[in-house]
Amino acid sequence: MNIDTAKSFATEANLDKHLKKVGLDQARPLKVRNTQGRWTAVFGYALSGVQNPPSIAHFGFPVIN
């Protein structure tokens, strides 16, 4: 998955709302903008604090090592 195919949102507030809804707001996301100017989040495998970090990809966000 690259940053342009990741789940994205028009505003940072919408991204924040979605992250909270799916329970990823406390997983230390790095919020970034893709090449279309839309907001998405990237998660660090070890830094996320999630017991199963690959599960983050299920929500449409990239996970890096």
N, C-alpha and C. Protein backbone atom coordinates (compact mmCIF):
# COMPACT_ATOMS: atom_id res chain seq x y z
N MET A 1 0.86 -1.17 0.00
CA MET A 1 0.00 0.00 0.00
C MET A 1 0.90 1.23 0.00
N ASN A 2 0.60 2.15 -0.89
CA ASN A 2 1.34 3.40 -0.84
C ASN A 2 0.45 4.50 -0.28
N ILE A 3 1.02 5.63 -0.05
CA ILE A 3 0.31 6.71 0.62
C ILE A 3 -0.90 7.20 -0.19
N ASP A 4 -0.85 7.07 -1.51
CA ASP A 4 -1.96 7.54 -2.33
C ASP A 4 -3.12 6.55 -2.41
N THR A 5 -2.90 5.31 -2.00
CA THR A 5 -4.00 4.35 -1.99
C THR A 5 -4.52 4.09 -0.57
N ALA A 6 -3.91 4.73 0.40
CA ALA A 6 -4.36 4.59 1.79
C ALA A 6 -5.68 5.34 1.97
N LYS A 7 -6.43 4.94 2.96
CA LYS A 7 -7.67 5.63 3.31
C LYS A 7 -7.32 7.08 3.62
N SER A 8 -8.08 8.02 3.06
CA SER A 8 -7.75 9.43 3.27
C SER A 8 -9.01 10.26 3.47
N PHE A 9 -8.80 11.45 4.00
CA PHE A 9 -9.90 12.34 4.37
C PHE A 9 -9.60 13.76 3.91
N ALA A 10 -10.65 14.51 3.64
CA ALA A 10 -10.49 15.88 3.14
C ALA A 10 -9.91 16.80 4.19
N THR A 11 -10.21 16.56 5.47
CA THR A 11 -9.71 17.43 6.52
C THR A 11 -9.04 16.62 7.62
N GLU A 12 -8.17 17.28 8.35
CA GLU A 12 -7.50 16.63 9.48
C GLU A 12 -8.53 16.26 10.56
N ALA A 13 -9.52 17.11 10.74
CA ALA A 13 -10.57 16.84 11.74
C ALA A 13 -11.32 15.56 11.40
N ASN A 14 -11.62 15.34 10.12
CA ASN A 14 -12.30 14.11 9.70
C ASN A 14 -11.43 12.89 9.95
N LEU A 15 -10.13 13.02 9.68
CA LEU A 15 -9.20 11.92 9.96
C LEU A 15 -9.19 11.62 11.45
N ASP A 16 -9.09 12.65 12.28
CA ASP A 16 -9.09 12.46 13.73
C ASP A 16 -10.36 11.75 14.20
N LYS A 17 -11.49 12.17 13.66
CA LYS A 17 -12.77 11.56 14.03
C LYS A 17 -12.79 10.07 13.68
N HIS A 18 -12.29 9.73 12.48
CA HIS A 18 -12.28 8.34 12.05
C HIS A 18 -11.31 7.51 12.90
N LEU A 19 -10.13 8.05 13.18
CA LEU A 19 -9.16 7.32 14.00
C LEU A 19 -9.75 7.02 15.37
N LYS A 20 -10.46 7.97 15.94
CA LYS A 20 -11.10 7.74 17.24
C LYS A 20 -12.19 6.68 17.13
N LYS A 21 -12.97 6.74 16.06
CA LYS A 21 -14.07 5.79 15.84
C LYS A 21 -13.57 4.35 15.77
N VAL A 22 -12.42 4.13 15.10
CA VAL A 22 -11.90 2.77 14.94
C VAL A 22 -10.89 2.40 16.03
N GLY A 23 -10.68 3.30 17.00
CA GLY A 23 -9.82 3.00 18.12
C GLY A 23 -8.34 3.12 17.86
N LEU A 24 -7.96 3.89 16.85
CA LEU A 24 -6.53 4.05 16.53
C LEU A 24 -5.97 5.41 16.93
N ASP A 25 -6.77 6.22 17.58
CA ASP A 25 -6.31 7.57 17.93
C ASP A 25 -5.19 7.56 18.96
N GLN A 26 -5.07 6.52 19.76
CA GLN A 26 -4.01 6.42 20.76
C GLN A 26 -2.83 5.57 20.28
N ALA A 27 -2.83 5.18 19.01
CA ALA A 27 -1.78 4.30 18.48
C ALA A 27 -0.62 5.09 17.85
N ARG A 28 -0.46 6.32 18.26
CA ARG A 28 0.64 7.19 17.81
C ARG A 28 0.71 7.34 16.29
N PRO A 29 -0.37 7.74 15.66
CA PRO A 29 -0.32 7.91 14.20
C PRO A 29 0.50 9.12 13.80
N LEU A 30 1.16 9.01 12.68
CA LEU A 30 1.83 10.14 12.05
C LEU A 30 0.85 10.63 10.99
N LYS A 31 0.28 11.79 11.19
CA LYS A 31 -0.70 12.32 10.25
C LYS A 31 0.04 13.06 9.14
N VAL A 32 -0.29 12.71 7.90
CA VAL A 32 0.38 13.27 6.73
C VAL A 32 -0.66 13.58 5.65
N ARG A 33 -0.22 14.31 4.64
CA ARG A 33 -1.06 14.57 3.48
C ARG A 33 -0.48 13.80 2.29
N ASN A 34 -1.38 13.24 1.48
CA ASN A 34 -0.92 12.51 0.29
C ASN A 34 -0.73 13.49 -0.86
N THR A 35 -0.41 12.99 -2.04
CA THR A 35 -0.13 13.88 -3.17
C THR A 35 -1.35 14.62 -3.68
N GLN A 36 -2.55 14.16 -3.28
CA GLN A 36 -3.77 14.88 -3.64
C GLN A 36 -4.16 15.90 -2.56
N GLY A 37 -3.35 16.02 -1.50
CA GLY A 37 -3.62 16.97 -0.45
C GLY A 37 -4.60 16.48 0.60
N ARG A 38 -4.91 15.18 0.57
CA ARG A 38 -5.86 14.60 1.54
C ARG A 38 -5.09 14.05 2.73
N TRP A 39 -5.73 14.04 3.90
CA TRP A 39 -5.12 13.59 5.14
C TRP A 39 -5.23 12.08 5.32
N THR A 40 -4.13 11.47 5.77
CA THR A 40 -4.11 10.06 6.11
C THR A 40 -3.17 9.87 7.29
N ALA A 41 -3.05 8.66 7.76
CA ALA A 41 -2.17 8.38 8.89
C ALA A 41 -1.26 7.20 8.54
N VAL A 42 -0.04 7.28 9.03
CA VAL A 42 0.94 6.21 8.89
C VAL A 42 1.30 5.77 10.30
N PHE A 43 1.41 4.47 10.49
CA PHE A 43 1.69 3.92 11.82
C PHE A 43 3.01 3.17 11.82
N GLY A 44 3.77 3.33 12.89
CA GLY A 44 5.01 2.57 13.08
C GLY A 44 4.68 1.22 13.69
N TYR A 45 5.26 0.16 13.17
CA TYR A 45 4.96 -1.20 13.63
C TYR A 45 5.18 -1.32 15.13
N ALA A 46 6.37 -1.00 15.60
CA ALA A 46 6.70 -1.16 17.01
C ALA A 46 6.17 -0.01 17.87
N LEU A 47 6.08 1.17 17.30
CA LEU A 47 5.69 2.35 18.07
C LEU A 47 4.19 2.47 18.30
N SER A 48 3.40 1.74 17.54
CA SER A 48 1.95 1.90 17.62
C SER A 48 1.38 1.50 18.97
N GLY A 49 2.01 0.54 19.63
CA GLY A 49 1.48 0.05 20.89
C GLY A 49 0.30 -0.90 20.71
N VAL A 50 -0.04 -1.21 19.49
CA VAL A 50 -1.13 -2.13 19.19
C VAL A 50 -0.58 -3.55 19.27
N GLN A 51 -1.33 -4.47 19.88
CA GLN A 51 -0.84 -5.84 20.04
C GLN A 51 -0.62 -6.54 18.71
N ASN A 52 -1.43 -6.22 17.72
CA ASN A 52 -1.31 -6.83 16.40
C ASN A 52 -1.21 -5.71 15.36
N PRO A 53 -0.03 -5.07 15.21
CA PRO A 53 0.11 -3.92 14.31
C PRO A 53 -0.36 -4.17 12.87
N PRO A 54 -0.17 -5.37 12.28
CA PRO A 54 -0.68 -5.56 10.92
C PRO A 54 -2.19 -5.37 10.81
N SER A 55 -2.91 -5.49 11.92
CA SER A 55 -4.36 -5.29 11.88
C SER A 55 -4.72 -3.85 11.52
N ILE A 56 -3.80 -2.92 11.71
CA ILE A 56 -4.05 -1.52 11.35
C ILE A 56 -4.31 -1.41 9.85
N ALA A 57 -3.60 -2.21 9.06
CA ALA A 57 -3.77 -2.18 7.61
C ALA A 57 -5.20 -2.55 7.22
N HIS A 58 -5.87 -3.32 8.04
CA HIS A 58 -7.27 -3.69 7.79
C HIS A 58 -8.15 -2.44 7.69
N PHE A 59 -7.77 -1.37 8.39
CA PHE A 59 -8.52 -0.13 8.37
C PHE A 59 -8.11 0.78 7.22
N GLY A 60 -7.15 0.35 6.40
CA GLY A 60 -6.76 1.11 5.21
C GLY A 60 -5.60 2.05 5.40
N PHE A 61 -4.84 1.89 6.49
CA PHE A 61 -3.70 2.76 6.75
C PHE A 61 -2.41 1.99 6.63
N PRO A 62 -1.33 2.62 6.12
CA PRO A 62 -0.05 1.94 6.02
C PRO A 62 0.63 1.78 7.38
N VAL A 63 1.36 0.68 7.52
CA VAL A 63 2.16 0.39 8.70
C VAL A 63 3.60 0.21 8.23
N ILE A 64 4.51 0.96 8.84
CA ILE A 64 5.92 0.84 8.46
C ILE A 64 6.69 0.21 9.59
N ASN A 65 7.82 -0.39 9.26
CA ASN A 65 8.64 -1.06 10.27
C ASN A 65 9.71 -0.13 10.76
